[in-house]
Amino acid sequence: MIVATISQAPAPAWPGRLRTAISTIFTFLGNVGLFAGIALLLGIGSSWYMIEIGTPLTTVKTGPWVSWPAAGTPTADPYTRARTARHGSLPISGTVAQVWEARTDSTGQRLHSSCDYSVTGRGLNEGWWTIALYDDSGHLIPNAAGRHAFNSSTIMRRPDGSFLVSLARDARPGNWLPTGGAGRLTLVLTIIEGGDVTGTGLPEIRRVACR
């Protein structure tokens, strides 16, 4: 008896190769998307930092106080201009005024209305200046006393020429600025033609107690 044997042809290999190729493409695209996402987050984060926090290229820092000296000038850098636009403010030109902002106390802790603070200053005897308290959005804090700021003419000084400003919810004797329930706080010191006070005449901000 003659038995005929029929050999089965091997299955084509292209479907497996196609699946491998498609998998490789999707893996590549996934990696590209991941790297693009990371790059986007880094770009947004660095831009936010440059606009909100600043660097030695755009700001001057002394203790808790930060100044953007190019604000309001024709030579302001892009990050300073972006910060001004974001906050919707009309800054006083850095050529005639120094504007210092403090969002933390002298130990680096964020200013908050749940705590009381003492702001102690010395000097600042030249020119005209004002110290004002705002909430985190840059708005004055509503209060029944109608107190929002003191200036070089209205502030009460001690016998040695220094001054103390109290930041607290409840009334304090002397120079008191109410914090209410504002949450995060920003203290702003504006000096008009008062000379350079960097590192010498800026007030110390000390936390007294928290609730």
N, C-alpha and C. Protein backbone atom coordinates (compact mmCIF):
# COMPACT_ATOMS: atom_id res chain seq x y z
N MET A 1 0.87 -1.19 0.00
CA MET A 1 0.00 0.00 0.00
C MET A 1 0.90 1.22 0.00
N ILE A 2 0.49 2.11 -0.83
CA ILE A 2 1.27 3.34 -0.93
C ILE A 2 0.52 4.43 -0.17
N VAL A 3 1.23 4.98 0.80
CA VAL A 3 0.61 6.07 1.63
C VAL A 3 1.21 7.39 1.21
N ALA A 4 0.37 8.28 0.76
CA ALA A 4 0.87 9.59 0.34
C ALA A 4 0.91 10.52 1.56
N THR A 5 2.00 11.16 1.74
CA THR A 5 2.14 12.12 2.84
C THR A 5 2.15 13.54 2.28
N ILE A 6 1.35 14.36 2.88
CA ILE A 6 1.27 15.77 2.43
C ILE A 6 1.83 16.64 3.55
N SER A 7 2.91 17.29 3.28
CA SER A 7 3.52 18.14 4.31
C SER A 7 2.78 19.48 4.38
N GLN A 8 2.53 19.93 5.61
CA GLN A 8 1.80 21.19 5.82
C GLN A 8 2.77 22.36 5.73
N ALA A 9 2.44 23.33 4.91
CA ALA A 9 3.33 24.49 4.73
C ALA A 9 3.35 25.31 6.02
N PRO A 10 4.50 25.85 6.40
CA PRO A 10 4.58 26.69 7.62
C PRO A 10 3.75 27.95 7.48
N ALA A 11 3.16 28.38 8.60
CA ALA A 11 2.35 29.60 8.60
C ALA A 11 3.24 30.81 8.32
N PRO A 12 2.74 31.76 7.58
CA PRO A 12 3.54 32.96 7.30
C PRO A 12 3.90 33.69 8.59
N ALA A 13 5.10 34.29 8.61
CA ALA A 13 5.59 34.94 9.84
C ALA A 13 5.18 36.41 9.93
N TRP A 14 4.60 36.96 8.85
CA TRP A 14 4.35 38.40 8.87
C TRP A 14 3.35 38.87 9.92
N PRO A 15 2.31 38.10 10.31
CA PRO A 15 1.41 38.63 11.36
C PRO A 15 2.14 38.89 12.68
N GLY A 16 3.03 37.97 13.07
CA GLY A 16 3.76 38.17 14.31
C GLY A 16 4.69 39.37 14.23
N ARG A 17 5.33 39.50 13.07
CA ARG A 17 6.23 40.63 12.89
C ARG A 17 5.46 41.94 12.90
N LEU A 18 4.25 41.92 12.31
CA LEU A 18 3.42 43.13 12.30
C LEU A 18 3.03 43.53 13.72
N ARG A 19 2.63 42.52 14.52
CA ARG A 19 2.28 42.82 15.91
C ARG A 19 3.47 43.40 16.67
N THR A 20 4.64 42.83 16.43
CA THR A 20 5.85 43.34 17.10
C THR A 20 6.13 44.77 16.69
N ALA A 21 5.99 45.05 15.38
CA ALA A 21 6.25 46.40 14.88
C ALA A 21 5.27 47.40 15.47
N ILE A 22 3.97 47.01 15.50
CA ILE A 22 2.95 47.90 16.07
C ILE A 22 3.23 48.15 17.55
N SER A 23 3.60 47.10 18.28
CA SER A 23 3.92 47.25 19.70
C SER A 23 5.10 48.18 19.91
N THR A 24 6.11 48.04 19.04
CA THR A 24 7.29 48.91 19.14
C THR A 24 6.92 50.36 18.89
N ILE A 25 6.05 50.58 17.88
CA ILE A 25 5.64 51.96 17.56
C ILE A 25 4.88 52.58 18.73
N PHE A 26 3.95 51.81 19.31
CA PHE A 26 3.17 52.35 20.43
C PHE A 26 4.06 52.61 21.64
N THR A 27 5.03 51.73 21.88
CA THR A 27 5.97 51.95 22.98
C THR A 27 6.77 53.22 22.76
N PHE A 28 7.22 53.41 21.52
CA PHE A 28 7.99 54.62 21.18
C PHE A 28 7.14 55.87 21.38
N LEU A 29 5.90 55.84 20.87
CA LEU A 29 5.02 56.99 21.03
C LEU A 29 4.71 57.26 22.50
N GLY A 30 4.56 56.18 23.28
CA GLY A 30 4.32 56.36 24.71
C GLY A 30 5.48 57.03 25.40
N ASN A 31 6.71 56.60 25.03
CA ASN A 31 7.89 57.21 25.62
C ASN A 31 8.01 58.68 25.21
N VAL A 32 7.72 58.96 23.92
CA VAL A 32 7.78 60.35 23.46
C VAL A 32 6.77 61.20 24.22
N GLY A 33 5.54 60.65 24.40
CA GLY A 33 4.53 61.39 25.14
C GLY A 33 4.92 61.63 26.59
N LEU A 34 5.55 60.61 27.20
CA LEU A 34 5.99 60.75 28.58
C LEU A 34 7.05 61.83 28.71
N PHE A 35 8.05 61.80 27.81
CA PHE A 35 9.11 62.80 27.85
C PHE A 35 8.55 64.19 27.56
N ALA A 36 7.60 64.27 26.60
CA ALA A 36 7.00 65.56 26.29
C ALA A 36 6.22 66.10 27.49
N GLY A 37 5.49 65.20 28.18
CA GLY A 37 4.76 65.62 29.37
C GLY A 37 5.67 66.12 30.47
N ILE A 38 6.77 65.40 30.68
CA ILE A 38 7.74 65.82 31.70
C ILE A 38 8.33 67.17 31.34
N ALA A 39 8.70 67.33 30.05
CA ALA A 39 9.28 68.59 29.60
C ALA A 39 8.28 69.74 29.77
N LEU A 40 6.99 69.47 29.47
CA LEU A 40 5.97 70.50 29.63
C LEU A 40 5.80 70.89 31.09
N LEU A 41 5.76 69.90 31.98
CA LEU A 41 5.62 70.20 33.40
C LEU A 41 6.82 70.98 33.93
N LEU A 42 8.02 70.58 33.49
CA LEU A 42 9.22 71.31 33.91
C LEU A 42 9.20 72.74 33.41
N GLY A 43 8.74 72.91 32.16
CA GLY A 43 8.67 74.25 31.60
C GLY A 43 7.69 75.13 32.34
N ILE A 44 6.50 74.58 32.62
CA ILE A 44 5.50 75.34 33.35
C ILE A 44 5.98 75.64 34.77
N GLY A 45 6.58 74.63 35.41
CA GLY A 45 7.07 74.83 36.78
C GLY A 45 8.16 75.88 36.87
N SER A 46 9.11 75.83 35.93
CA SER A 46 10.21 76.80 35.97
C SER A 46 9.70 78.21 35.66
N SER A 47 8.72 78.32 34.73
CA SER A 47 8.16 79.63 34.41
C SER A 47 7.42 80.19 35.63
N TRP A 48 6.63 79.33 36.30
CA TRP A 48 5.92 79.78 37.51
C TRP A 48 6.91 80.26 38.56
N TYR A 49 7.99 79.51 38.74
CA TYR A 49 8.98 79.88 39.75
C TYR A 49 9.61 81.23 39.40
N MET A 50 9.97 81.43 38.14
CA MET A 50 10.60 82.68 37.74
C MET A 50 9.65 83.86 37.91
N ILE A 51 8.34 83.63 37.67
CA ILE A 51 7.38 84.72 37.76
C ILE A 51 6.98 85.01 39.20
N GLU A 52 6.75 83.96 39.99
CA GLU A 52 6.25 84.15 41.35
C GLU A 52 7.36 84.29 42.40
N ILE A 53 8.41 83.53 42.28
CA ILE A 53 9.48 83.51 43.28
C ILE A 53 10.66 84.37 42.84
N GLY A 54 11.04 84.21 41.58
CA GLY A 54 12.17 84.97 41.07
C GLY A 54 13.51 84.32 41.35
N THR A 55 14.56 84.86 40.77
CA THR A 55 15.92 84.38 40.95
C THR A 55 16.82 85.58 41.18
N PRO A 56 18.10 85.36 41.50
CA PRO A 56 19.02 86.50 41.65
C PRO A 56 19.13 87.37 40.41
N LEU A 57 18.70 86.85 39.27
CA LEU A 57 18.73 87.64 38.04
C LEU A 57 17.61 88.67 38.00
N THR A 58 16.52 88.43 38.73
CA THR A 58 15.36 89.31 38.66
C THR A 58 14.97 89.93 39.99
N THR A 59 15.46 89.40 41.10
CA THR A 59 15.05 89.90 42.41
C THR A 59 16.24 90.18 43.31
N VAL A 60 15.96 90.95 44.36
CA VAL A 60 16.91 91.18 45.45
C VAL A 60 16.24 90.67 46.71
N LYS A 61 16.93 89.83 47.48
CA LYS A 61 16.34 89.23 48.67
C LYS A 61 17.17 89.56 49.90
N THR A 62 16.47 89.93 50.95
CA THR A 62 17.10 90.18 52.24
C THR A 62 16.19 89.63 53.32
N GLY A 63 16.60 88.52 53.96
CA GLY A 63 15.73 87.88 54.94
C GLY A 63 14.42 87.47 54.28
N PRO A 64 13.30 87.83 54.89
CA PRO A 64 12.00 87.46 54.29
C PRO A 64 11.56 88.41 53.18
N TRP A 65 12.30 89.48 52.98
CA TRP A 65 11.89 90.53 52.05
C TRP A 65 12.44 90.30 50.65
N VAL A 66 11.58 90.52 49.65
CA VAL A 66 11.96 90.33 48.25
C VAL A 66 11.54 91.58 47.47
N SER A 67 12.44 92.05 46.60
CA SER A 67 12.15 93.21 45.77
C SER A 67 12.41 92.86 44.30
N TRP A 68 11.58 93.40 43.41
CA TRP A 68 11.76 93.27 41.96
C TRP A 68 12.16 94.64 41.44
N PRO A 69 13.45 94.95 41.46
CA PRO A 69 13.90 96.32 41.17
C PRO A 69 13.59 96.80 39.76
N ALA A 70 13.41 95.89 38.81
CA ALA A 70 13.15 96.33 37.43
C ALA A 70 11.68 96.60 37.16
N ALA A 71 10.81 96.33 38.13
CA ALA A 71 9.37 96.53 37.93
C ALA A 71 9.07 97.99 37.63
N GLY A 72 8.21 98.21 36.63
CA GLY A 72 7.81 99.57 36.30
C GLY A 72 8.84 100.36 35.53
N THR A 73 9.88 99.70 35.04
CA THR A 73 10.92 100.38 34.26
C THR A 73 10.90 99.89 32.82
N PRO A 74 11.39 100.69 31.88
CA PRO A 74 11.42 100.27 30.47
C PRO A 74 12.31 99.05 30.23
N THR A 75 13.26 98.81 31.13
CA THR A 75 14.21 97.71 30.94
C THR A 75 13.79 96.44 31.69
N ALA A 76 12.53 96.39 32.14
CA ALA A 76 12.07 95.21 32.88
C ALA A 76 12.20 93.96 32.03
N ASP A 77 12.67 92.87 32.65
CA ASP A 77 12.84 91.61 31.95
C ASP A 77 11.48 90.96 31.73
N PRO A 78 11.40 89.95 30.83
CA PRO A 78 10.10 89.33 30.53
C PRO A 78 9.40 88.73 31.74
N TYR A 79 10.17 88.17 32.68
CA TYR A 79 9.54 87.54 33.84
C TYR A 79 8.94 88.60 34.78
N THR A 80 9.63 89.73 34.92
CA THR A 80 9.09 90.81 35.75
C THR A 80 7.83 91.38 35.12
N ARG A 81 7.83 91.55 33.80
CA ARG A 81 6.63 92.05 33.11
C ARG A 81 5.48 91.05 33.23
N ALA A 82 5.82 89.76 33.11
CA ALA A 82 4.77 88.73 33.23
C ALA A 82 4.18 88.73 34.64
N ARG A 83 5.01 88.92 35.63
CA ARG A 83 4.52 88.96 37.01
C ARG A 83 3.59 90.15 37.22
N THR A 84 3.97 91.31 36.68
CA THR A 84 3.13 92.50 36.79
C THR A 84 1.79 92.29 36.11
N ALA A 85 1.82 91.67 34.92
CA ALA A 85 0.57 91.41 34.20
C ALA A 85 -0.29 90.39 34.93
N ARG A 86 0.33 89.37 35.51
CA ARG A 86 -0.43 88.33 36.21
C ARG A 86 -1.16 88.90 37.41
N HIS A 87 -0.48 89.80 38.14
CA HIS A 87 -1.09 90.36 39.35
C HIS A 87 -1.98 91.56 39.03
N GLY A 88 -1.94 92.02 37.78
CA GLY A 88 -2.79 93.15 37.40
C GLY A 88 -2.46 94.42 38.16
N SER A 89 -1.19 94.62 38.47
CA SER A 89 -0.79 95.77 39.27
C SER A 89 -0.13 96.84 38.40
N LEU A 90 -0.09 98.05 38.94
CA LEU A 90 0.62 99.16 38.31
C LEU A 90 1.78 99.53 39.22
N PRO A 91 2.93 98.88 39.05
CA PRO A 91 4.04 99.10 39.98
C PRO A 91 4.64 100.49 39.88
N ILE A 92 5.10 100.98 41.02
CA ILE A 92 5.85 102.23 41.02
C ILE A 92 7.22 101.95 40.40
N SER A 93 7.68 102.87 39.59
CA SER A 93 8.96 102.66 38.91
C SER A 93 10.08 102.42 39.91
N GLY A 94 10.89 101.41 39.62
CA GLY A 94 12.02 101.09 40.49
C GLY A 94 13.07 102.17 40.53
N THR A 95 12.96 103.17 39.65
CA THR A 95 13.94 104.26 39.65
C THR A 95 13.65 105.29 40.74
N VAL A 96 12.41 105.30 41.26
CA VAL A 96 12.06 106.28 42.29
C VAL A 96 11.61 105.63 43.60
N ALA A 97 11.35 104.32 43.58
CA ALA A 97 10.83 103.66 44.79
C ALA A 97 11.39 102.25 44.90
N GLN A 98 11.46 101.79 46.14
CA GLN A 98 11.78 100.40 46.43
C GLN A 98 10.53 99.74 47.01
N VAL A 99 10.12 98.65 46.41
CA VAL A 99 8.96 97.91 46.91
C VAL A 99 9.43 96.54 47.37
N TRP A 100 9.27 96.28 48.67
CA TRP A 100 9.69 95.01 49.26
C TRP A 100 8.46 94.23 49.72
N GLU A 101 8.42 92.96 49.39
CA GLU A 101 7.32 92.10 49.80
C GLU A 101 7.83 91.00 50.72
N ALA A 102 7.04 90.68 51.75
CA ALA A 102 7.37 89.58 52.65
C ALA A 102 6.16 88.66 52.75
N ARG A 103 6.35 87.40 52.39
CA ARG A 103 5.30 86.39 52.51
C ARG A 103 5.60 85.40 53.63
N THR A 104 6.77 85.51 54.22
CA THR A 104 7.17 84.64 55.33
C THR A 104 7.69 85.49 56.47
N ASP A 105 7.80 84.87 57.64
CA ASP A 105 8.46 85.56 58.74
C ASP A 105 9.97 85.40 58.59
N SER A 106 10.71 85.88 59.56
CA SER A 106 12.17 85.86 59.44
C SER A 106 12.77 84.47 59.56
N THR A 107 11.96 83.48 59.95
CA THR A 107 12.44 82.09 60.01
C THR A 107 12.03 81.30 58.78
N GLY A 108 11.31 81.94 57.85
CA GLY A 108 10.92 81.26 56.62
C GLY A 108 9.54 80.63 56.64
N GLN A 109 8.78 80.81 57.74
CA GLN A 109 7.44 80.25 57.84
C GLN A 109 6.42 81.19 57.17
N ARG A 110 5.50 80.62 56.41
CA ARG A 110 4.52 81.42 55.67
C ARG A 110 3.67 82.25 56.62
N LEU A 111 3.49 83.53 56.29
CA LEU A 111 2.63 84.40 57.10
C LEU A 111 1.18 83.96 56.96
N HIS A 112 0.48 83.87 58.09
CA HIS A 112 -0.91 83.39 58.07
C HIS A 112 -1.69 84.07 59.19
N SER A 113 -2.96 84.33 58.91
CA SER A 113 -3.79 85.05 59.88
C SER A 113 -4.08 84.25 61.14
N SER A 114 -3.77 82.96 61.14
CA SER A 114 -3.96 82.16 62.35
C SER A 114 -2.85 82.41 63.38
N CYS A 115 -1.87 83.21 63.01
CA CYS A 115 -0.76 83.53 63.91
C CYS A 115 -0.66 85.04 64.11
N ASP A 116 -0.05 85.44 65.23
CA ASP A 116 0.24 86.84 65.52
C ASP A 116 1.72 87.09 65.28
N TYR A 117 2.05 88.31 64.80
CA TYR A 117 3.44 88.63 64.48
C TYR A 117 3.80 90.01 65.01
N SER A 118 5.08 90.18 65.30
CA SER A 118 5.62 91.50 65.62
C SER A 118 6.61 91.87 64.53
N VAL A 119 6.43 93.04 63.98
CA VAL A 119 7.30 93.55 62.91
C VAL A 119 8.10 94.70 63.49
N THR A 120 9.38 94.49 63.69
CA THR A 120 10.24 95.47 64.34
C THR A 120 11.19 96.09 63.34
N GLY A 121 11.20 97.42 63.29
CA GLY A 121 12.07 98.12 62.34
C GLY A 121 12.91 99.18 63.01
N ARG A 122 14.05 99.42 62.41
CA ARG A 122 14.95 100.49 62.85
C ARG A 122 15.37 101.28 61.63
N GLY A 123 15.76 102.49 61.85
CA GLY A 123 16.17 103.30 60.70
C GLY A 123 14.96 103.76 59.91
N LEU A 124 15.08 103.70 58.59
CA LEU A 124 14.03 104.19 57.69
C LEU A 124 13.69 105.64 58.04
N ASN A 125 14.72 106.42 58.26
CA ASN A 125 14.52 107.82 58.65
C ASN A 125 14.58 108.77 57.46
N GLU A 126 14.95 108.25 56.29
CA GLU A 126 15.05 109.09 55.11
C GLU A 126 13.88 108.84 54.17
N GLY A 127 13.49 109.88 53.46
CA GLY A 127 12.42 109.74 52.49
C GLY A 127 11.08 109.45 53.15
N TRP A 128 10.18 108.92 52.35
CA TRP A 128 8.84 108.58 52.81
C TRP A 128 8.60 107.10 52.54
N TRP A 129 7.91 106.42 53.48
CA TRP A 129 7.66 105.00 53.29
C TRP A 129 6.32 104.62 53.89
N THR A 130 5.82 103.48 53.47
CA THR A 130 4.58 102.95 54.00
C THR A 130 4.69 101.44 54.13
N ILE A 131 4.05 100.87 55.14
CA ILE A 131 4.01 99.43 55.32
C ILE A 131 2.54 99.02 55.38
N ALA A 132 2.14 98.09 54.50
CA ALA A 132 0.74 97.72 54.35
C ALA A 132 0.59 96.21 54.36
N LEU A 133 -0.60 95.75 54.76
CA LEU A 133 -0.88 94.32 54.85
C LEU A 133 -1.96 93.94 53.84
N TYR A 134 -1.71 92.83 53.12
CA TYR A 134 -2.64 92.35 52.09
C TYR A 134 -2.88 90.85 52.30
N ASP A 135 -3.95 90.37 51.66
CA ASP A 135 -4.16 88.92 51.65
C ASP A 135 -3.33 88.31 50.53
N ASP A 136 -3.47 87.01 50.31
CA ASP A 136 -2.62 86.31 49.34
C ASP A 136 -2.94 86.71 47.90
N SER A 137 -4.11 87.32 47.68
CA SER A 137 -4.49 87.76 46.34
C SER A 137 -4.13 89.21 46.07
N GLY A 138 -3.50 89.85 47.05
CA GLY A 138 -3.10 91.24 46.86
C GLY A 138 -4.18 92.25 47.20
N HIS A 139 -5.20 91.83 47.95
CA HIS A 139 -6.29 92.73 48.34
C HIS A 139 -6.11 93.18 49.79
N LEU A 140 -6.52 94.41 50.06
CA LEU A 140 -6.53 94.88 51.43
C LEU A 140 -7.53 94.06 52.24
N ILE A 141 -7.24 93.89 53.53
CA ILE A 141 -8.05 93.03 54.39
C ILE A 141 -9.14 93.88 55.06
N PRO A 142 -10.41 93.60 54.78
CA PRO A 142 -11.49 94.39 55.40
C PRO A 142 -11.46 94.24 56.93
N ASN A 143 -11.67 95.34 57.63
CA ASN A 143 -11.74 95.28 59.09
C ASN A 143 -12.50 96.49 59.60
N ALA A 144 -13.13 96.32 60.77
CA ALA A 144 -13.97 97.39 61.33
C ALA A 144 -13.17 98.63 61.68
N ALA A 145 -11.89 98.47 62.00
CA ALA A 145 -11.07 99.61 62.38
C ALA A 145 -10.63 100.42 61.17
N GLY A 146 -10.77 99.86 59.98
CA GLY A 146 -10.34 100.57 58.78
C GLY A 146 -8.83 100.76 58.71
N ARG A 147 -8.10 99.83 59.31
CA ARG A 147 -6.64 99.93 59.32
C ARG A 147 -6.05 99.01 58.26
N HIS A 148 -5.23 99.58 57.40
CA HIS A 148 -4.60 98.79 56.35
C HIS A 148 -3.10 99.05 56.24
N ALA A 149 -2.64 100.19 56.75
CA ALA A 149 -1.23 100.55 56.56
C ALA A 149 -0.83 101.64 57.55
N PHE A 150 0.47 101.76 57.73
CA PHE A 150 1.08 102.90 58.43
C PHE A 150 2.15 103.47 57.52
N ASN A 151 2.45 104.74 57.71
CA ASN A 151 3.55 105.34 56.94
C ASN A 151 4.50 106.07 57.87
N SER A 152 5.54 106.63 57.30
CA SER A 152 6.58 107.25 58.12
C SER A 152 6.07 108.44 58.91
N SER A 153 4.92 108.99 58.54
CA SER A 153 4.36 110.13 59.27
C SER A 153 3.38 109.70 60.35
N THR A 154 2.71 108.55 60.17
CA THR A 154 1.66 108.15 61.11
C THR A 154 2.11 107.08 62.11
N ILE A 155 3.22 106.41 61.84
CA ILE A 155 3.63 105.32 62.72
C ILE A 155 4.18 105.87 64.04
N MET A 156 3.89 105.17 65.13
CA MET A 156 4.42 105.56 66.44
C MET A 156 5.77 104.87 66.67
N ARG A 157 6.75 105.65 67.05
CA ARG A 157 8.09 105.12 67.28
C ARG A 157 8.40 105.05 68.78
N ARG A 158 9.33 104.17 69.10
CA ARG A 158 9.80 104.06 70.47
C ARG A 158 10.82 105.17 70.74
N PRO A 159 11.19 105.36 72.03
CA PRO A 159 12.16 106.41 72.35
C PRO A 159 13.49 106.26 71.61
N ASP A 160 13.88 105.01 71.28
CA ASP A 160 15.15 104.82 70.59
C ASP A 160 15.03 104.97 69.07
N GLY A 161 13.83 105.35 68.59
CA GLY A 161 13.63 105.56 67.16
C GLY A 161 13.12 104.34 66.41
N SER A 162 13.09 103.18 67.06
CA SER A 162 12.58 101.98 66.41
C SER A 162 11.06 101.97 66.46
N PHE A 163 10.45 101.05 65.73
CA PHE A 163 8.99 100.94 65.75
C PHE A 163 8.60 99.47 65.78
N LEU A 164 7.38 99.22 66.28
CA LEU A 164 6.83 97.88 66.35
C LEU A 164 5.43 97.90 65.75
N VAL A 165 5.21 97.03 64.76
CA VAL A 165 3.89 96.86 64.16
C VAL A 165 3.39 95.47 64.52
N SER A 166 2.19 95.38 65.08
CA SER A 166 1.61 94.09 65.45
C SER A 166 0.63 93.64 64.37
N LEU A 167 0.77 92.39 63.93
CA LEU A 167 -0.18 91.78 63.01
C LEU A 167 -0.97 90.75 63.80
N ALA A 168 -2.29 90.97 63.94
CA ALA A 168 -3.09 90.08 64.77
C ALA A 168 -4.56 90.26 64.43
N ARG A 169 -5.36 89.25 64.76
CA ARG A 169 -6.80 89.35 64.55
C ARG A 169 -7.43 90.33 65.54
N ASP A 170 -7.00 90.22 66.80
CA ASP A 170 -7.58 91.05 67.86
C ASP A 170 -6.77 92.33 68.02
N ALA A 171 -7.43 93.35 68.55
CA ALA A 171 -6.81 94.66 68.70
C ALA A 171 -5.58 94.60 69.59
N ARG A 172 -4.57 95.36 69.23
CA ARG A 172 -3.34 95.48 70.00
C ARG A 172 -3.04 96.96 70.20
N PRO A 173 -2.35 97.32 71.30
CA PRO A 173 -1.99 98.72 71.48
C PRO A 173 -0.91 99.14 70.48
N GLY A 174 -0.91 100.40 70.17
CA GLY A 174 0.13 100.90 69.27
C GLY A 174 -0.20 100.66 67.81
N ASN A 175 0.82 100.30 67.06
CA ASN A 175 0.68 100.11 65.62
C ASN A 175 0.15 98.71 65.32
N TRP A 176 -1.17 98.62 65.17
CA TRP A 176 -1.80 97.31 64.97
C TRP A 176 -2.43 97.24 63.58
N LEU A 177 -2.12 96.16 62.83
CA LEU A 177 -2.76 95.90 61.55
C LEU A 177 -3.58 94.63 61.68
N PRO A 178 -4.91 94.69 61.52
CA PRO A 178 -5.77 93.51 61.68
C PRO A 178 -5.57 92.51 60.54
N THR A 179 -5.54 91.23 60.88
CA THR A 179 -5.37 90.17 59.88
C THR A 179 -6.69 89.47 59.57
N GLY A 180 -7.70 89.60 60.47
CA GLY A 180 -8.99 88.96 60.25
C GLY A 180 -8.85 87.47 60.00
N GLY A 181 -9.64 86.97 59.06
CA GLY A 181 -9.53 85.57 58.66
C GLY A 181 -9.01 85.45 57.26
N ALA A 182 -8.04 86.28 56.91
CA ALA A 182 -7.57 86.38 55.53
C ALA A 182 -6.81 85.15 55.05
N GLY A 183 -6.31 84.33 55.97
CA GLY A 183 -5.48 83.20 55.56
C GLY A 183 -4.05 83.65 55.33
N ARG A 184 -3.50 83.31 54.19
CA ARG A 184 -2.12 83.71 53.89
C ARG A 184 -2.02 85.22 53.73
N LEU A 185 -0.91 85.78 54.22
CA LEU A 185 -0.72 87.23 54.25
C LEU A 185 0.51 87.64 53.45
N THR A 186 0.48 88.89 53.00
CA THR A 186 1.63 89.49 52.34
C THR A 186 1.84 90.88 52.92
N LEU A 187 3.03 91.15 53.40
CA LEU A 187 3.37 92.45 53.95
C LEU A 187 4.21 93.20 52.90
N VAL A 188 3.83 94.45 52.63
CA VAL A 188 4.50 95.22 51.58
C VAL A 188 5.06 96.51 52.17
N LEU A 189 6.36 96.72 51.98
CA LEU A 189 7.04 97.94 52.42
C LEU A 189 7.46 98.72 51.19
N THR A 190 6.95 99.94 51.05
CA THR A 190 7.27 100.79 49.91
C THR A 190 8.05 102.00 50.39
N ILE A 191 9.22 102.22 49.82
CA ILE A 191 10.09 103.30 50.23
C ILE A 191 10.29 104.24 49.04
N ILE A 192 9.95 105.51 49.23
CA ILE A 192 10.10 106.51 48.18
C ILE A 192 11.34 107.34 48.47
N GLU A 193 12.31 107.25 47.59
CA GLU A 193 13.54 108.05 47.68
C GLU A 193 14.15 107.96 49.09
N GLY A 194 14.27 106.74 49.58
CA GLY A 194 14.77 106.57 50.94
C GLY A 194 16.19 106.04 51.02
N GLY A 195 16.88 105.94 49.89
CA GLY A 195 18.23 105.39 49.92
C GLY A 195 18.21 103.88 49.95
N ASP A 196 19.38 103.29 49.87
CA ASP A 196 19.50 101.84 49.85
C ASP A 196 19.40 101.28 51.27
N VAL A 197 18.40 100.42 51.50
CA VAL A 197 18.20 99.84 52.83
C VAL A 197 18.50 98.35 52.83
N THR A 198 19.04 97.82 51.74
CA THR A 198 19.30 96.39 51.63
C THR A 198 20.20 95.91 52.76
N GLY A 199 19.70 94.96 53.52
CA GLY A 199 20.50 94.34 54.56
C GLY A 199 20.65 95.15 55.83
N THR A 200 20.10 96.38 55.88
CA THR A 200 20.30 97.20 57.08
C THR A 200 18.99 97.68 57.69
N GLY A 201 18.11 98.27 56.87
CA GLY A 201 16.94 98.92 57.43
C GLY A 201 15.63 98.18 57.26
N LEU A 202 15.66 96.93 56.83
CA LEU A 202 14.41 96.20 56.62
C LEU A 202 13.95 95.56 57.93
N PRO A 203 12.66 95.65 58.22
CA PRO A 203 12.15 95.15 59.51
C PRO A 203 12.29 93.65 59.67
N GLU A 204 12.36 93.22 60.93
CA GLU A 204 12.35 91.80 61.28
C GLU A 204 10.90 91.39 61.56
N ILE A 205 10.52 90.23 61.07
CA ILE A 205 9.16 89.72 61.25
C ILE A 205 9.24 88.48 62.13
N ARG A 206 8.71 88.58 63.34
CA ARG A 206 8.81 87.48 64.29
C ARG A 206 7.43 86.94 64.65
N ARG A 207 7.27 85.62 64.59
CA ARG A 207 6.01 85.00 65.00
C ARG A 207 5.93 84.99 66.52
N VAL A 208 4.78 85.46 67.01
CA VAL A 208 4.59 85.54 68.46
C VAL A 208 3.83 84.32 68.97
N ALA A 209 2.69 84.01 68.35
CA ALA A 209 1.88 82.88 68.80
C ALA A 209 0.93 82.48 67.67
N CYS A 210 0.47 81.23 67.71
CA CYS A 210 -0.49 80.74 66.72
C CYS A 210 -1.66 80.07 67.44
N ARG A 211 -2.81 80.08 66.81
CA ARG A 211 -4.00 79.46 67.39
C ARG A 211 -4.11 78.01 66.95
